[in-house]
PDB file of N, CA and C in Angstrom:
ATOM      1  N   ARG A   1      66.012  33.916  19.015  1.00  0.00           N
ATOM      2  CA  ARG A   1      66.244  33.849  17.556  1.00  0.00           C
ATOM      3  C   ARG A   1      65.271  32.941  16.971  1.00  0.00           C
ATOM      4  N   LYS A   2      65.000  31.722  17.620  1.00  0.00           N
ATOM      5  CA  LYS A   2      64.147  30.692  17.082  1.00  0.00           C
ATOM      6  C   LYS A   2      62.782  31.286  16.830  1.00  0.00           C
ATOM      7  N   TRP A   3      62.311  32.094  17.909  1.00  0.00           N
ATOM      8  CA  TRP A   3      60.982  32.629  17.796  1.00  0.00           C
ATOM      9  C   TRP A   3      60.922  33.541  16.714  1.00  0.00           C
ATOM     10  N   LEU A   4      61.849  34.471  16.559  1.00  0.00           N
ATOM     11  CA  LEU A   4      61.799  35.464  15.510  1.00  0.00           C
ATOM     12  C   LEU A   4      61.840  34.822  14.091  1.00  0.00           C
ATOM     13  N   GLY A   5      62.583  33.643  14.070  1.00  0.00           N
ATOM     14  CA  GLY A   5      62.800  32.964  12.724  1.00  0.00           C
ATOM     15  C   GLY A   5      61.556  32.350  12.293  1.00  0.00           C
ATOM     16  N   GLY A   6      60.632  32.097  13.240  1.00  0.00           N
ATOM     17  CA  GLY A   6      59.316  31.361  12.839  1.00  0.00           C
ATOM     18  C   GLY A   6      58.201  32.404  12.422  1.00  0.00           C
ATOM     19  N   LEU A   7      58.582  33.675  12.519  1.00  0.00           N
ATOM     20  CA  LEU A   7      57.532  34.642  12.187  1.00  0.00           C
ATOM     21  C   LEU A   7      57.377  34.802  10.707  1.00  0.00           C
ATOM     22  N   THR A   8      56.167  35.162  10.187  1.00  0.00           N
ATOM     23  CA  THR A   8      55.940  35.490   8.848  1.00  0.00           C
ATOM     24  C   THR A   8      56.232  37.033   8.664  1.00  0.00           C
ATOM     25  N   ILE A   9      57.100  37.391   7.814  1.00  0.00           N
ATOM     26  CA  ILE A   9      57.477  38.849   7.682  1.00  0.00           C
ATOM     27  C   ILE A   9      56.665  39.364   6.461  1.00  0.00           C
ATOM     28  N   THR A  10      56.054  40.536   6.732  1.00  0.00           N
ATOM     29  CA  THR A  10      55.365  41.207   5.685  1.00  0.00           C
ATOM     30  C   THR A  10      55.943  42.657   5.498  1.00  0.00           C
ATOM     31  N   THR A  11      55.613  43.425   4.504  1.00  0.00           N
ATOM     32  CA  THR A  11      56.035  44.706   4.316  1.00  0.00           C
ATOM     33  C   THR A  11      54.898  45.659   4.680  1.00  0.00           C
ATOM     34  N   ALA A  12      55.293  47.005   4.760  1.00  0.00           N
ATOM     35  CA  ALA A  12      54.296  47.976   5.194  1.00  0.00           C
ATOM     36  C   ALA A  12      53.208  48.173   4.039  1.00  0.00           C
ATOM     37  N   ALA A  13      53.414  47.603   2.885  1.00  0.00           N
ATOM     38  CA  ALA A  13      52.495  47.709   1.783  1.00  0.00           C
ATOM     39  C   ALA A  13      51.322  46.795   2.084  1.00  0.00           C
ATOM     40  N   GLU A  14      51.521  45.823   2.924  1.00  0.00           N
ATOM     41  CA  GLU A  14      50.420  44.793   3.216  1.00  0.00           C
ATOM     42  C   GLU A  14      49.720  45.284   4.522  1.00  0.00           C
ATOM     43  N   LYS A  15      48.514  45.822   4.398  1.00  0.00           N
ATOM     44  CA  LYS A  15      47.861  46.365   5.476  1.00  0.00           C
ATOM     45  C   LYS A  15      47.141  45.138   6.196  1.00  0.00           C
ATOM     46  N   PRO A  16      47.480  44.968   7.556  1.00  0.00           N
ATOM     47  CA  PRO A  16      46.751  43.941   8.294  1.00  0.00           C
ATOM     48  C   PRO A  16      45.254  44.252   8.457  1.00  0.00           C
ATOM     49  N   THR A  17      44.433  43.169   8.487  1.00  0.00           N
ATOM     50  CA  THR A  17      43.035  43.337   8.600  1.00  0.00           C
ATOM     51  C   THR A  17      42.502  43.186  10.116  1.00  0.00           C
ATOM     52  N   VAL A  18      43.074  42.193  10.812  1.00  0.00           N
ATOM     53  CA  VAL A  18      42.592  41.844  12.104  1.00  0.00           C
ATOM     54  C   VAL A  18      43.534  42.165  13.238  1.00  0.00           C
ATOM     55  N   ARG A  19      44.825  41.819  12.982  1.00  0.00           N
ATOM     56  CA  ARG A  19      45.857  42.004  13.950  1.00  0.00           C
ATOM     57  C   ARG A  19      47.211  42.228  13.387  1.00  0.00           C
ATOM     58  N   ALA A  20      48.165  42.805  14.222  1.00  0.00           N
ATOM     59  CA  ALA A  20      49.499  43.047  13.641  1.00  0.00           C
ATOM     60  C   ALA A  20      50.451  42.985  14.818  1.00  0.00           C
ATOM     61  N   LEU A  21      51.735  42.543  14.475  1.00  0.00           N
ATOM     62  CA  LEU A  21      52.764  42.467  15.464  1.00  0.00           C
ATOM     63  C   LEU A  21      53.901  43.252  14.856  1.00  0.00           C
ATOM     64  N   ASN A  22      54.304  44.361  15.517  1.00  0.00           N
ATOM     65  CA  ASN A  22      55.495  45.134  15.098  1.00  0.00           C
ATOM     66  C   ASN A  22      56.661  44.829  15.982  1.00  0.00           C
ATOM     67  N   ILE A  23      57.860  44.720  15.539  1.00  0.00           N
ATOM     68  CA  ILE A  23      59.039  44.514  16.273  1.00  0.00           C
ATOM     69  C   ILE A  23      60.021  45.511  16.061  1.00  0.00           C
ATOM     70  N   ALA A  24      60.485  46.176  17.161  1.00  0.00           N
ATOM     71  CA  ALA A  24      61.629  47.254  17.026  1.00  0.00           C
ATOM     72  C   ALA A  24      62.793  46.554  17.728  1.00  0.00           C
ATOM     73  N   LEU A  25      63.973  46.541  17.072  1.00  0.00           N
ATOM     74  CA  LEU A  25      65.137  46.032  17.597  1.00  0.00           C
ATOM     75  C   LEU A  25      66.226  47.185  17.736  1.00  0.00           C
ATOM     76  N   ALA A  26      66.854  47.287  19.011  1.00  0.00           N
ATOM     77  CA  ALA A  26      67.946  48.275  19.131  1.00  0.00           C
ATOM     78  C   ALA A  26      69.175  47.635  18.673  1.00  0.00           C
ATOM     79  N   TYR A  27      70.187  48.460  18.396  1.00  0.00           N
ATOM     80  CA  TYR A  27      71.484  47.959  17.980  1.00  0.00           C
ATOM     81  C   TYR A  27      72.042  46.755  18.843  1.00  0.00           C
ATOM     82  N   PRO A  28      72.056  47.025  20.124  1.00  0.00           N
ATOM     83  CA  PRO A  28      72.567  45.857  20.955  1.00  0.00           C
ATOM     84  C   PRO A  28      71.708  44.617  20.825  1.00  0.00           C
ATOM     85  N   GLY A  29      70.434  44.806  20.583  1.00  0.00           N
ATOM     86  CA  GLY A  29      69.575  43.620  20.278  1.00  0.00           C
ATOM     87  C   GLY A  29      69.945  42.875  19.110  1.00  0.00           C
ATOM     88  N   LEU A  30      70.279  43.562  17.997  1.00  0.00           N
ATOM     89  CA  LEU A  30      70.661  42.948  16.847  1.00  0.00           C
ATOM     90  C   LEU A  30      71.971  42.210  16.937  1.00  0.00           C
ATOM     91  N   ARG A  31      72.890  42.870  17.736  1.00  0.00           N
ATOM     92  CA  ARG A  31      74.144  42.267  17.974  1.00  0.00           C
ATOM     93  C   ARG A  31      74.040  40.948  18.854  1.00  0.00           C
ATOM     94  N   ALA A  32      73.131  41.024  19.832  1.00  0.00           N
ATOM     95  CA  ALA A  32      72.906  39.885  20.714  1.00  0.00           C
ATOM     96  C   ALA A  32      72.270  38.746  19.901  1.00  0.00           C
ATOM     97  N   LEU A  33      71.612  39.015  18.809  1.00  0.00           N
ATOM     98  CA  LEU A  33      70.970  37.905  17.934  1.00  0.00           C
ATOM     99  C   LEU A  33      72.064  37.409  16.999  1.00  0.00           C
ATOM    100  N   GLY A  34      73.266  37.944  16.963  1.00  0.00           N
ATOM    101  CA  GLY A  34      74.253  37.451  16.160  1.00  0.00           C
ATOM    102  C   GLY A  34      74.571  38.168  14.864  1.00  0.00           C
ATOM    103  N   LEU A  35      74.118  39.462  14.854  1.00  0.00           N
ATOM    104  CA  LEU A  35      74.324  40.239  13.547  1.00  0.00           C
ATOM    105  C   LEU A  35      75.848  40.307  13.322  1.00  0.00           C
ATOM    106  N   PRO A  36      76.306  39.952  12.151  1.00  0.00           N
ATOM    107  CA  PRO A  36      77.755  39.936  11.913  1.00  0.00           C
ATOM    108  C   PRO A  36      78.329  41.352  11.921  1.00  0.00           C
ATOM    109  N   GLU A  37      79.581  41.508  12.446  1.00  0.00           N
ATOM    110  CA  GLU A  37      80.288  42.659  12.441  1.00  0.00           C
ATOM    111  C   GLU A  37      80.240  43.487  11.084  1.00  0.00           C
ATOM    112  N   GLU A  38      80.492  42.760   9.971  1.00  0.00           N
ATOM    113  CA  GLU A  38      80.525  43.394   8.633  1.00  0.00           C
ATOM    114  C   GLU A  38      79.197  43.999   8.346  1.00  0.00           C
ATOM    115  N   VAL A  39      78.061  43.542   8.868  1.00  0.00           N
ATOM    116  CA  VAL A  39      76.806  44.260   8.633  1.00  0.00           C
ATOM    117  C   VAL A  39      76.614  45.308   9.629  1.00  0.00           C
ATOM    118  N   ALA A  40      76.909  45.101  10.926  1.00  0.00           N
ATOM    119  CA  ALA A  40      76.774  46.074  11.943  1.00  0.00           C
ATOM    120  C   ALA A  40      77.372  47.345  11.798  1.00  0.00           C
ATOM    121  N   VAL A  41      78.585  47.369  11.082  1.00  0.00           N
ATOM    122  CA  VAL A  41      79.297  48.658  10.823  1.00  0.00           C
ATOM    123  C   VAL A  41      78.526  49.486   9.847  1.00  0.00           C
ATOM    124  N   GLY A  42      77.564  48.915   9.115  1.00  0.00           N
ATOM    125  CA  GLY A  42      76.868  49.665   8.070  1.00  0.00           C
ATOM    126  C   GLY A  42      75.776  50.582   8.631  1.00  0.00           C
ATOM    127  N   PHE A  43      75.431  50.428   9.924  1.00  0.00           N
ATOM    128  CA  PHE A  43      74.440  51.194  10.555  1.00  0.00           C
ATOM    129  C   PHE A  43      74.893  52.610  10.878  1.00  0.00           C
ATOM    130  N   SER A  44      73.922  53.516  10.942  1.00  0.00           N
ATOM    131  CA  SER A  44      74.294  54.877  11.220  1.00  0.00           C
ATOM    132  C   SER A  44      74.777  55.051  12.648  1.00  0.00           C
ATOM    133  N   GLU A  45      75.656  56.031  12.850  1.00  0.00           N
ATOM    134  CA  GLU A  45      76.264  56.272  14.151  1.00  0.00           C
ATOM    135  C   GLU A  45      75.135  56.622  15.222  1.00  0.00           C
ATOM    136  N   GLU A  46      74.115  57.221  14.817  1.00  0.00           N
ATOM    137  CA  GLU A  46      72.956  57.529  15.703  1.00  0.00           C
ATOM    138  C   GLU A  46      72.313  56.358  16.208  1.00  0.00           C
ATOM    139  N   PHE A  47      72.076  55.322  15.301  1.00  0.00           N
ATOM    140  CA  PHE A  47      71.488  53.996  15.685  1.00  0.00           C
ATOM    141  C   PHE A  47      72.352  53.276  16.594  1.00  0.00           C
ATOM    142  N   ILE A  48      73.687  53.270  16.312  1.00  0.00           N
ATOM    143  CA  ILE A  48      74.671  52.467  17.149  1.00  0.00           C
ATOM    144  C   ILE A  48      74.789  53.150  18.576  1.00  0.00           C
ATOM    145  N   ASP A  49      74.780  54.501  18.609  1.00  0.00           N
ATOM    146  CA  ASP A  49      74.925  55.125  19.862  1.00  0.00           C
ATOM    147  C   ASP A  49      73.735  54.930  20.762  1.00  0.00           C
ATOM    148  N   GLY A  50      72.544  54.921  20.227  1.00  0.00           N
ATOM    149  CA  GLY A  50      71.330  54.771  20.976  1.00  0.00           C
ATOM    150  C   GLY A  50      70.646  56.074  21.360  1.00  0.00           C
ATOM    151  N   MET A  51      69.521  55.935  21.897  1.00  0.00           N
ATOM    152  CA  MET A  51      68.674  57.113  22.279  1.00  0.00           C
ATOM    153  C   MET A  51      69.140  57.924  23.442  1.00  0.00           C
ATOM    154  N   THR A  52      69.973  57.344  24.330  1.00  0.00           N
ATOM    155  CA  THR A  52      70.401  58.070  25.497  1.00  0.00           C
ATOM    156  C   THR A  52      71.785  58.702  25.403  1.00  0.00           C
ATOM    157  N   ALA A  53      72.478  58.554  24.247  1.00  0.00           N
ATOM    158  CA  ALA A  53      73.691  59.255  24.012  1.00  0.00           C
ATOM    159  C   ALA A  53      73.495  60.736  24.240  1.00  0.00           C
ATOM    160  N   PRO A  54      74.403  61.494  24.850  1.00  0.00           N
ATOM    161  CA  PRO A  54      74.247  62.884  25.244  1.00  0.00           C
ATOM    162  C   PRO A  54      73.865  63.681  23.930  1.00  0.00           C
ATOM    163  N   GLN A  55      74.527  63.414  22.809  1.00  0.00           N
ATOM    164  CA  GLN A  55      74.183  64.199  21.545  1.00  0.00           C
ATOM    165  C   GLN A  55      72.764  63.910  21.128  1.00  0.00           C
ATOM    166  N   ARG A  56      72.296  62.664  21.289  1.00  0.00           N
ATOM    167  CA  ARG A  56      70.853  62.376  20.926  1.00  0.00           C
ATOM    168  C   ARG A  56      69.897  63.101  21.844  1.00  0.00           C
ATOM    169  N   GLN A  57      70.282  63.120  23.129  1.00  0.00           N
ATOM    170  CA  GLN A  57      69.345  63.884  24.042  1.00  0.00           C
ATOM    171  C   GLN A  57      69.111  65.346  23.664  1.00  0.00           C
ATOM    172  N   GLN A  58      70.105  66.009  23.267  1.00  0.00           N
ATOM    173  CA  GLN A  58      70.031  67.395  22.787  1.00  0.00           C
ATOM    174  C   GLN A  58      69.249  67.413  21.558  1.00  0.00           C
ATOM    175  N   ALA A  59      69.524  66.647  20.553  1.00  0.00           N
ATOM    176  CA  ALA A  59      68.932  66.687  19.292  1.00  0.00           C
ATOM    177  C   ALA A  59      67.463  66.357  19.310  1.00  0.00           C
ATOM    178  N   LEU A  60      67.042  65.432  20.203  1.00  0.00           N
ATOM    179  CA  LEU A  60      65.706  65.063  20.365  1.00  0.00           C
ATOM    180  C   LEU A  60      64.925  65.900  21.411  1.00  0.00           C
ATOM    181  N   GLY A  61      65.713  66.655  22.192  1.00  0.00           N
ATOM    182  CA  GLY A  61      64.919  67.560  23.238  1.00  0.00           C
ATOM    183  C   GLY A  61      64.689  66.752  24.480  1.00  0.00           C
ATOM    184  N   ASP A  62      65.273  65.616  24.750  1.00  0.00           N
ATOM    185  CA  ASP A  62      65.224  64.861  25.897  1.00  0.00           C
ATOM    186  C   ASP A  62      65.927  65.377  27.058  1.00  0.00           C
ATOM    187  N   THR A  63      65.303  66.515  27.569  1.00  0.00           N
ATOM    188  CA  THR A  63      65.852  67.238  28.681  1.00  0.00           C
ATOM    189  C   THR A  63      64.727  67.495  29.664  1.00  0.00           C
ATOM    190  N   GLY A  64      65.069  68.000  30.867  1.00  0.00           N
ATOM    191  CA  GLY A  64      64.067  68.287  31.837  1.00  0.00           C
ATOM    192  C   GLY A  64      63.334  67.018  32.164  1.00  0.00           C
ATOM    193  N   ASN A  65      62.032  67.034  32.116  1.00  0.00           N
ATOM    194  CA  ASN A  65      61.120  65.895  32.530  1.00  0.00           C
ATOM    195  C   ASN A  65      61.369  64.732  31.575  1.00  0.00           C
ATOM    196  N   SER A  66      61.875  65.026  30.318  1.00  0.00           N
ATOM    197  CA  SER A  66      62.174  63.937  29.376  1.00  0.00           C
ATOM    198  C   SER A  66      63.507  63.488  29.342  1.00  0.00           C
ATOM    199  N   ASP A  67      64.340  63.857  30.360  1.00  0.00           N
ATOM    200  CA  ASP A  67      65.752  63.335  30.463  1.00  0.00           C
ATOM    201  C   ASP A  67      65.697  61.827  30.669  1.00  0.00           C
ATOM    202  N   PRO A  68      66.593  61.116  29.865  1.00  0.00           N
ATOM    203  CA  PRO A  68      66.581  59.677  29.990  1.00  0.00           C
ATOM    204  C   PRO A  68      66.949  59.132  31.390  1.00  0.00           C
ATOM    205  N   MET A  69      67.539  59.976  32.203  1.00  0.00           N
ATOM    206  CA  MET A  69      67.693  59.555  33.622  1.00  0.00           C
ATOM    207  C   MET A  69      66.399  59.412  34.364  1.00  0.00           C
ATOM    208  N   LYS A  70      65.292  59.951  33.762  1.00  0.00           N
ATOM    209  CA  LYS A  70      64.004  59.867  34.432  1.00  0.00           C
ATOM    210  C   LYS A  70      63.125  58.811  33.869  1.00  0.00           C
ATOM    211  N   TRP A  71      63.647  58.059  32.806  1.00  0.00           N
ATOM    212  CA  TRP A  71      62.798  57.112  32.051  1.00  0.00           C
ATOM    213  C   TRP A  71      62.576  55.854  33.024  1.00  0.00           C
ATOM    214  N   GLU A  72      61.445  55.317  32.912  1.00  0.00           N
ATOM    215  CA  GLU A  72      61.087  54.074  33.744  1.00  0.00           C
ATOM    216  C   GLU A  72      61.674  52.870  33.092  1.00  0.00           C
ATOM    217  N   TRP A  73      62.067  52.854  31.854  1.00  0.00           N
ATOM    218  CA  TRP A  73      62.638  51.761  31.184  1.00  0.00           C
ATOM    219  C   TRP A  73      63.429  52.214  29.975  1.00  0.00           C
ATOM    220  N   GLY A  74      64.548  51.563  29.682  1.00  0.00           N
ATOM    221  CA  GLY A  74      65.344  51.971  28.528  1.00  0.00           C
ATOM    222  C   GLY A  74      66.318  53.081  28.698  1.00  0.00           C
ATOM    223  N   GLY A  75      66.364  53.672  30.000  1.00  0.00           N
ATOM    224  CA  GLY A  75      67.257  54.765  30.275  1.00  0.00           C
ATOM    225  C   GLY A  75      68.653  54.265  30.694  1.00  0.00           C
ATOM    226  N   PRO A  76      69.563  55.182  30.929  1.00  0.00           N
ATOM    227  CA  PRO A  76      70.878  54.829  31.451  1.00  0.00           C
ATOM    228  C   PRO A  76      70.916  54.241  32.873  1.00  0.00           C
ATOM    229  N   SER A  77      69.891  54.522  33.645  1.00  0.00           N
ATOM    230  CA  SER A  77      69.931  54.030  35.037  1.00  0.00           C
ATOM    231  C   SER A  77      68.916  52.879  35.205  1.00  0.00           C
ATOM    232  N   THR A  78      68.415  52.232  34.118  1.00  0.00           N
ATOM    233  CA  THR A  78      67.616  51.103  34.159  1.00  0.00           C
ATOM    234  C   THR A  78      68.218  50.024  33.312  1.00  0.00           C
ATOM    235  N   ASP A  79      67.542  48.820  33.301  1.00  0.00           N
ATOM    236  CA  ASP A  79      68.041  47.770  32.436  1.00  0.00           C
ATOM    237  C   ASP A  79      67.892  48.176  30.993  1.00  0.00           C
ATOM    238  N   PRO A  80      68.835  47.670  30.141  1.00  0.00           N
ATOM    239  CA  PRO A  80      68.679  48.015  28.692  1.00  0.00           C
ATOM    240  C   PRO A  80      67.524  47.278  28.100  1.00  0.00           C
ATOM    241  N   VAL A  81      66.975  48.070  27.039  1.00  0.00           N
ATOM    242  CA  VAL A  81      65.920  47.298  26.224  1.00  0.00           C
ATOM    243  C   VAL A  81      66.456  47.138  24.823  1.00  0.00           C
ATOM    244  N   HIS A  82      66.456  45.814  24.430  1.00  0.00           N
ATOM    245  CA  HIS A  82      66.981  45.485  23.200  1.00  0.00           C
ATOM    246  C   HIS A  82      65.881  45.217  22.110  1.00  0.00           C
ATOM    247  N   VAL A  83      64.676  44.874  22.591  1.00  0.00           N
ATOM    248  CA  VAL A  83      63.615  44.698  21.649  1.00  0.00           C
ATOM    249  C   VAL A  83      62.231  45.157  22.232  1.00  0.00           C
ATOM    250  N   LEU A  84      61.465  45.705  21.356  1.00  0.00           N
ATOM    251  CA  LEU A  84      60.020  46.112  21.682  1.00  0.00           C
ATOM    252  C   LEU A  84      59.093  45.483  20.833  1.00  0.00           C
ATOM    253  N   LEU A  85      58.046  44.735  21.465  1.00  0.00           N
ATOM    254  CA  LEU A  85      57.056  44.106  20.710  1.00  0.00           C
ATOM    255  C   LEU A  85      55.798  44.929  20.868  1.00  0.00           C
ATOM    256  N   MET A  86      55.132  45.237  19.756  1.00  0.00           N
ATOM    257  CA  MET A  86      53.871  46.012  19.720  1.00  0.00           C
ATOM    258  C   MET A  86      52.839  45.102  19.157  1.00  0.00           C
ATOM    259  N   LEU A  87      51.728  44.771  19.920  1.00  0.00           N
ATOM    260  CA  LEU A  87      50.688  43.948  19.412  1.00  0.00           C
ATOM    261  C   LEU A  87      49.460  44.862  19.173  1.00  0.00           C
ATOM    262  N   TYR A  88      48.789  44.628  18.080  1.00  0.00           N
ATOM    263  CA  TYR A  88      47.614  45.376  17.705  1.00  0.00           C
ATOM    264  C   TYR A  88      46.464  44.459  17.276  1.00  0.00           C
ATOM    265  N   ALA A  89      45.273  44.854  17.563  1.00  0.00           N
ATOM    266  CA  ALA A  89      44.019  44.028  17.224  1.00  0.00           C
ATOM    267  C   ALA A  89      42.938  44.992  17.069  1.00  0.00           C
ATOM    268  N   THR A  90      41.859  44.494  16.316  1.00  0.00           N
ATOM    269  CA  THR A  90      40.622  45.353  16.068  1.00  0.00           C
ATOM    270  C   THR A  90      39.817  45.505  17.290  1.00  0.00           C
ATOM    271  N   ASP A  91      39.957  44.688  18.237  1.00  0.00           N
ATOM    272  CA  ASP A  91      39.068  44.752  19.446  1.00  0.00           C
ATOM    273  C   ASP A  91      39.823  44.201  20.638  1.00  0.00           C
ATOM    274  N   GLN A  92      39.372  44.439  21.844  1.00  0.00           N
ATOM    275  CA  GLN A  92      40.031  44.051  23.072  1.00  0.00           C
ATOM    276  C   GLN A  92      40.059  42.558  23.184  1.00  0.00           C
ATOM    277  N   PRO A  93      39.017  41.751  22.918  1.00  0.00           N
ATOM    278  CA  PRO A  93      39.082  40.286  23.014  1.00  0.00           C
ATOM    279  C   PRO A  93      40.179  39.792  22.022  1.00  0.00           C
ATOM    280  N   GLY A  94      40.137  40.326  20.886  1.00  0.00           N
ATOM    281  CA  GLY A  94      41.223  39.872  19.886  1.00  0.00           C
ATOM    282  C   GLY A  94      42.660  40.204  20.395  1.00  0.00           C
ATOM    283  N   LEU A  95      42.842  41.366  20.995  1.00  0.00           N
ATOM    284  CA  LEU A  95      44.113  41.740  21.543  1.00  0.00           C
ATOM    285  C   LEU A  95      44.444  40.776  22.705  1.00  0.00           C
ATOM    286  N   ASP A  96      43.558  40.522  23.634  1.00  0.00           N
ATOM    287  CA  ASP A  96      43.793  39.637  24.705  1.00  0.00           C
ATOM    288  C   ASP A  96      44.228  38.248  24.221  1.00  0.00           C
ATOM    289  N   ALA A  97      43.512  37.747  23.211  1.00  0.00           N
ATOM    290  CA  ALA A  97      43.891  36.403  22.612  1.00  0.00           C
ATOM    291  C   ALA A  97      45.328  36.552  22.014  1.00  0.00           C
ATOM    292  N   PHE A  98      45.578  37.554  21.281  1.00  0.00           N
ATOM    293  CA  PHE A  98      46.847  37.679  20.586  1.00  0.00           C
ATOM    294  C   PHE A  98      47.962  37.721  21.684  1.00  0.00           C
ATOM    295  N   CYS A  99      47.746  38.439  22.707  1.00  0.00           N
ATOM    296  CA  CYS A  99      48.813  38.531  23.809  1.00  0.00           C
ATOM    297  C   CYS A  99      49.060  37.138  24.478  1.00  0.00           C
ATOM    298  N   ARG A 100      47.956  36.310  24.695  1.00  0.00           N
ATOM    299  CA  ARG A 100      48.111  35.061  25.186  1.00  0.00           C
ATOM    300  C   ARG A 100      48.861  34.162  24.237  1.00  0.00           C
ATOM    301  N   GLU A 101      48.595  34.258  22.990  1.00  0.00           N
ATOM    302  CA  GLU A 101      49.362  33.540  21.892  1.00  0.00           C
ATOM    303  C   GLU A 101      50.788  33.846  21.849  1.00  0.00           C
ATOM    304  N   MET A 102      51.140  35.076  22.050  1.00  0.00           N
ATOM    305  CA  MET A 102      52.470  35.532  22.043  1.00  0.00           C
ATOM    306  C   MET A 102      53.287  35.224  23.253  1.00  0.00           C
ATOM    307  N   SER A 103      52.627  34.943  24.340  1.00  0.00           N
ATOM    308  CA  SER A 103      53.378  34.646  25.605  1.00  0.00           C
ATOM    309  C   SER A 103      53.807  33.279  25.788  1.00  0.00           C
TER     310      SER A 103
END
């Protein structure tokens, strides 16, 4: 929570020029961060249920080789994933430096 609170938040209207950090939070991740119940109930059922709910599998076509049971991470047979950090930079040295800074 402290780390997230120290980030500078921008909107999609502000195009980064050198590097960018995108953060995706799953519903359990938001709850783990202390999202109040009165806010949590406002999310869609699809978001609350998550990507591996049986009805999501069918709607998204996650069957056969894409079945969540075969996922290397984030599936029902692996540890849950509550947050995803995506780091971007204009070149490899910049990305390497950004990764070191974030670790």
